[in-house]
Amino acid sequence: MGEHTTTFRDNMQNQQPTYPTAPGYKERGGTSQEAAQAVAASAKSMRAAVLECYRTKGAMTADEVARRIGLEHRVHSVRSRVTELYRGGFLVKTQHRAELLSGFAGRVYDYAGGAQ
């Protein structure tokens, strides 16, 4: 929770939120920034749905969250929201790994509890 939580909460109150409270990008003025701005509105509601899934269902991979909230077709977006929530201190990494949709093993995250 520590330093990332403070940054996350500070960014939540900022007029122009930055990563991890908003989708990140690599280069100002480039296509990466355009893509981040295009998904910003849906990212906020998706982030809330992802956090609620972890809060109510417990530890799982980002791919499992995508399946549970009906966004298997947007699994990469869900993975990004999981990373933002982890960096914001709302999720914690567990010591477990589980199979992803790709067949590879991926990190299992869990709700951080009192992070809200």
C-alpha atoms as a PDB file:
ATOM      1  CA  MET A   1       0.000   0.000   0.000  1.00  0.00           C
ATOM      2  CA  GLY A   2       2.666   2.610   1.017  1.00  0.00           C
ATOM      3  CA  GLU A   3       3.977   5.097  -1.521  1.00  0.00           C
ATOM      4  CA  HIS A   4       1.912   3.888  -4.498  1.00  0.00           C
ATOM      5  CA  THR A   5      -1.349   4.403  -2.592  1.00  0.00           C
ATOM      6  CA  THR A   6      -0.507   8.013  -1.791  1.00  0.00           C
ATOM      7  CA  THR A   7       0.366   8.724  -5.419  1.00  0.00           C
ATOM      8  CA  PHE A   8      -2.762   6.947  -6.629  1.00  0.00           C
ATOM      9  CA  ARG A   9      -5.052   8.900  -4.312  1.00  0.00           C
ATOM     10  CA  ASP A  10      -3.330  12.185  -5.105  1.00  0.00           C
ATOM     11  CA  ASN A  11      -3.784  11.470  -8.818  1.00  0.00           C
ATOM     12  CA  MET A  12      -7.460  10.634  -8.288  1.00  0.00           C
ATOM     13  CA  GLN A  13      -8.006  14.233  -7.140  1.00  0.00           C
ATOM     14  CA  ASN A  14      -5.885  15.744  -9.921  1.00  0.00           C
ATOM     15  CA  GLN A  15      -7.691  17.488 -12.793  1.00  0.00           C
ATOM     16  CA  GLN A  16      -5.556  15.560 -15.307  1.00  0.00           C
ATOM     17  CA  PRO A  17      -4.941  12.139 -13.767  1.00  0.00           C
ATOM     18  CA  THR A  18      -1.767  10.265 -14.598  1.00  0.00           C
ATOM     19  CA  TYR A  19      -0.789   6.620 -14.444  1.00  0.00           C
ATOM     20  CA  PRO A  20      -1.850   4.559 -12.527  1.00  0.00           C
ATOM     21  CA  THR A  21      -5.181   6.399 -12.150  1.00  0.00           C
ATOM     22  CA  ALA A  22      -5.460   6.805 -15.920  1.00  0.00           C
ATOM     23  CA  PRO A  23      -4.144   4.714 -18.805  1.00  0.00           C
ATOM     24  CA  GLY A  24      -0.450   5.386 -19.365  1.00  0.00           C
ATOM     25  CA  TYR A  25       1.448   6.177 -22.541  1.00  0.00           C
ATOM     26  CA  LYS A  26       5.068   6.186 -23.610  1.00  0.00           C
ATOM     27  CA  GLU A  27       5.399   9.385 -25.596  1.00  0.00           C
ATOM     28  CA  ARG A  28       3.590  12.710 -25.283  1.00  0.00           C
ATOM     29  CA  GLY A  29       1.837  13.577 -28.533  1.00  0.00           C
ATOM     30  CA  GLY A  30       2.281  10.118 -30.039  1.00  0.00           C
ATOM     31  CA  THR A  31      -0.089   7.316 -30.901  1.00  0.00           C
ATOM     32  CA  SER A  32       0.419   5.795 -27.453  1.00  0.00           C
ATOM     33  CA  GLN A  33      -1.002   8.947 -25.847  1.00  0.00           C
ATOM     34  CA  GLU A  34      -3.899   9.003 -28.331  1.00  0.00           C
ATOM     35  CA  ALA A  35      -4.756   5.394 -27.469  1.00  0.00           C
ATOM     36  CA  ALA A  36      -4.579   6.111 -23.727  1.00  0.00           C
ATOM     37  CA  GLN A  37      -6.928   9.079 -24.099  1.00  0.00           C
ATOM     38  CA  ALA A  38      -9.334   7.034 -26.227  1.00  0.00           C
ATOM     39  CA  VAL A  39      -9.776   4.372 -23.534  1.00  0.00           C
ATOM     40  CA  ALA A  40      -9.669   6.679 -20.494  1.00  0.00           C
ATOM     41  CA  ALA A  41     -13.459   6.853 -19.957  1.00  0.00           C
ATOM     42  CA  SER A  42     -14.007   3.110 -20.238  1.00  0.00           C
ATOM     43  CA  ALA A  43     -10.876   2.416 -18.191  1.00  0.00           C
ATOM     44  CA  LYS A  44     -12.351   4.120 -15.139  1.00  0.00           C
ATOM     45  CA  SER A  45     -15.504   1.981 -15.129  1.00  0.00           C
ATOM     46  CA  MET A  46     -13.537  -1.150 -16.018  1.00  0.00           C
ATOM     47  CA  ARG A  47     -11.118  -0.468 -13.143  1.00  0.00           C
ATOM     48  CA  ALA A  48     -14.091  -0.217 -10.759  1.00  0.00           C
ATOM     49  CA  ALA A  49     -15.541  -3.513 -12.054  1.00  0.00           C
ATOM     50  CA  VAL A  50     -12.171  -5.251 -11.733  1.00  0.00           C
ATOM     51  CA  LEU A  51     -11.689  -4.008  -8.168  1.00  0.00           C
ATOM     52  CA  GLU A  52     -15.203  -5.092  -7.203  1.00  0.00           C
ATOM     53  CA  CYS A  53     -14.555  -8.560  -8.642  1.00  0.00           C
ATOM     54  CA  TYR A  54     -11.426  -8.966  -6.518  1.00  0.00           C
ATOM     55  CA  ARG A  55     -13.208  -7.562  -3.462  1.00  0.00           C
ATOM     56  CA  THR A  56     -16.112  -9.998  -3.738  1.00  0.00           C
ATOM     57  CA  LYS A  57     -14.525 -13.082  -5.335  1.00  0.00           C
ATOM     58  CA  GLY A  58     -10.989 -13.107  -3.940  1.00  0.00           C
ATOM     59  CA  ALA A  59      -7.619 -13.971  -5.454  1.00  0.00           C
ATOM     60  CA  MET A  60      -7.338 -14.713  -9.188  1.00  0.00           C
ATOM     61  CA  THR A  61      -5.482 -13.821 -12.370  1.00  0.00           C
ATOM     62  CA  ALA A  62      -6.434 -10.870 -14.543  1.00  0.00           C
ATOM     63  CA  ASP A  63      -7.672 -13.343 -17.156  1.00  0.00           C
ATOM     64  CA  GLU A  64     -10.037 -14.916 -14.621  1.00  0.00           C
ATOM     65  CA  VAL A  65     -11.359 -11.444 -13.762  1.00  0.00           C
ATOM     66  CA  ALA A  66     -11.951 -10.796 -17.476  1.00  0.00           C
ATOM     67  CA  ARG A  67     -13.937 -14.031 -17.720  1.00  0.00           C
ATOM     68  CA  ARG A  68     -15.981 -13.312 -14.592  1.00  0.00           C
ATOM     69  CA  ILE A  69     -16.946  -9.796 -15.682  1.00  0.00           C
ATOM     70  CA  GLY A  70     -17.633 -10.846 -19.284  1.00  0.00           C
ATOM     71  CA  LEU A  71     -14.657  -9.127 -20.903  1.00  0.00           C
ATOM     72  CA  GLU A  72     -12.642 -12.065 -22.245  1.00  0.00           C
ATOM     73  CA  HIS A  73     -12.536 -10.231 -25.577  1.00  0.00           C
ATOM     74  CA  ARG A  74     -10.774  -7.320 -23.822  1.00  0.00           C
ATOM     75  CA  VAL A  75      -8.401  -9.333 -21.639  1.00  0.00           C
ATOM     76  CA  HIS A  76      -5.451  -7.034 -22.405  1.00  0.00           C
ATOM     77  CA  SER A  77      -7.438  -4.021 -21.176  1.00  0.00           C
ATOM     78  CA  VAL A  78      -8.384  -5.914 -18.024  1.00  0.00           C
ATOM     79  CA  ARG A  79      -4.717  -6.813 -17.456  1.00  0.00           C
ATOM     80  CA  SER A  80      -3.835  -3.122 -17.706  1.00  0.00           C
ATOM     81  CA  ARG A  81      -6.503  -2.204 -15.138  1.00  0.00           C
ATOM     82  CA  VAL A  82      -5.148  -4.907 -12.787  1.00  0.00           C
ATOM     83  CA  THR A  83      -1.659  -3.401 -13.099  1.00  0.00           C
ATOM     84  CA  GLU A  84      -3.025   0.077 -12.353  1.00  0.00           C
ATOM     85  CA  LEU A  85      -4.878  -1.210  -9.286  1.00  0.00           C
ATOM     86  CA  TYR A  86      -1.798  -3.074  -8.084  1.00  0.00           C
ATOM     87  CA  ARG A  87       0.413  -0.005  -8.503  1.00  0.00           C
ATOM     88  CA  GLY A  88      -2.238   2.058  -6.763  1.00  0.00           C
ATOM     89  CA  GLY A  89      -2.134  -0.232  -3.731  1.00  0.00           C
ATOM     90  CA  PHE A  90      -5.638  -1.637  -4.180  1.00  0.00           C
ATOM     91  CA  LEU A  91      -4.417  -5.132  -5.117  1.00  0.00           C
ATOM     92  CA  VAL A  92      -1.561  -7.246  -3.799  1.00  0.00           C
ATOM     93  CA  LYS A  93       0.471  -9.926  -5.545  1.00  0.00           C
ATOM     94  CA  THR A  94       0.155 -13.409  -4.110  1.00  0.00           C
ATOM     95  CA  GLN A  95       2.831 -16.091  -4.297  1.00  0.00           C
ATOM     96  CA  HIS A  96       0.623 -18.098  -6.663  1.00  0.00           C
ATOM     97  CA  ARG A  97       0.520 -18.367 -10.429  1.00  0.00           C
ATOM     98  CA  ALA A  98      -2.264 -19.852 -12.538  1.00  0.00           C
ATOM     99  CA  GLU A  99      -2.883 -20.642 -16.189  1.00  0.00           C
ATOM    100  CA  LEU A 100      -3.911 -17.727 -18.386  1.00  0.00           C
ATOM    101  CA  LEU A 101      -6.100 -17.865 -21.503  1.00  0.00           C
ATOM    102  CA  SER A 102      -2.868 -18.045 -23.511  1.00  0.00           C
ATOM    103  CA  GLY A 103      -1.833 -21.246 -21.747  1.00  0.00           C
ATOM    104  CA  PHE A 104       1.048 -19.525 -19.973  1.00  0.00           C
ATOM    105  CA  ALA A 105       1.193 -19.041 -16.211  1.00  0.00           C
ATOM    106  CA  GLY A 106       0.303 -15.627 -14.827  1.00  0.00           C
ATOM    107  CA  ARG A 107       0.391 -13.868 -11.492  1.00  0.00           C
ATOM    108  CA  VAL A 108      -2.525 -14.208  -9.087  1.00  0.00           C
ATOM    109  CA  TYR A 109      -3.554 -10.956  -7.387  1.00  0.00           C
ATOM    110  CA  ASP A 110      -5.850 -10.363  -4.438  1.00  0.00           C
ATOM    111  CA  TYR A 111      -7.824  -7.476  -2.960  1.00  0.00           C
ATOM    112  CA  ALA A 112      -5.668  -5.398  -0.612  1.00  0.00           C
ATOM    113  CA  GLY A 113      -8.455  -5.060   1.945  1.00  0.00           C
ATOM    114  CA  GLY A 114      -8.453  -1.687   3.635  1.00  0.00           C
ATOM    115  CA  ALA A 115      -6.886   0.148   0.679  1.00  0.00           C
ATOM    116  CA  GLN A 116     -10.059   2.086  -0.140  1.00  0.00           C
END
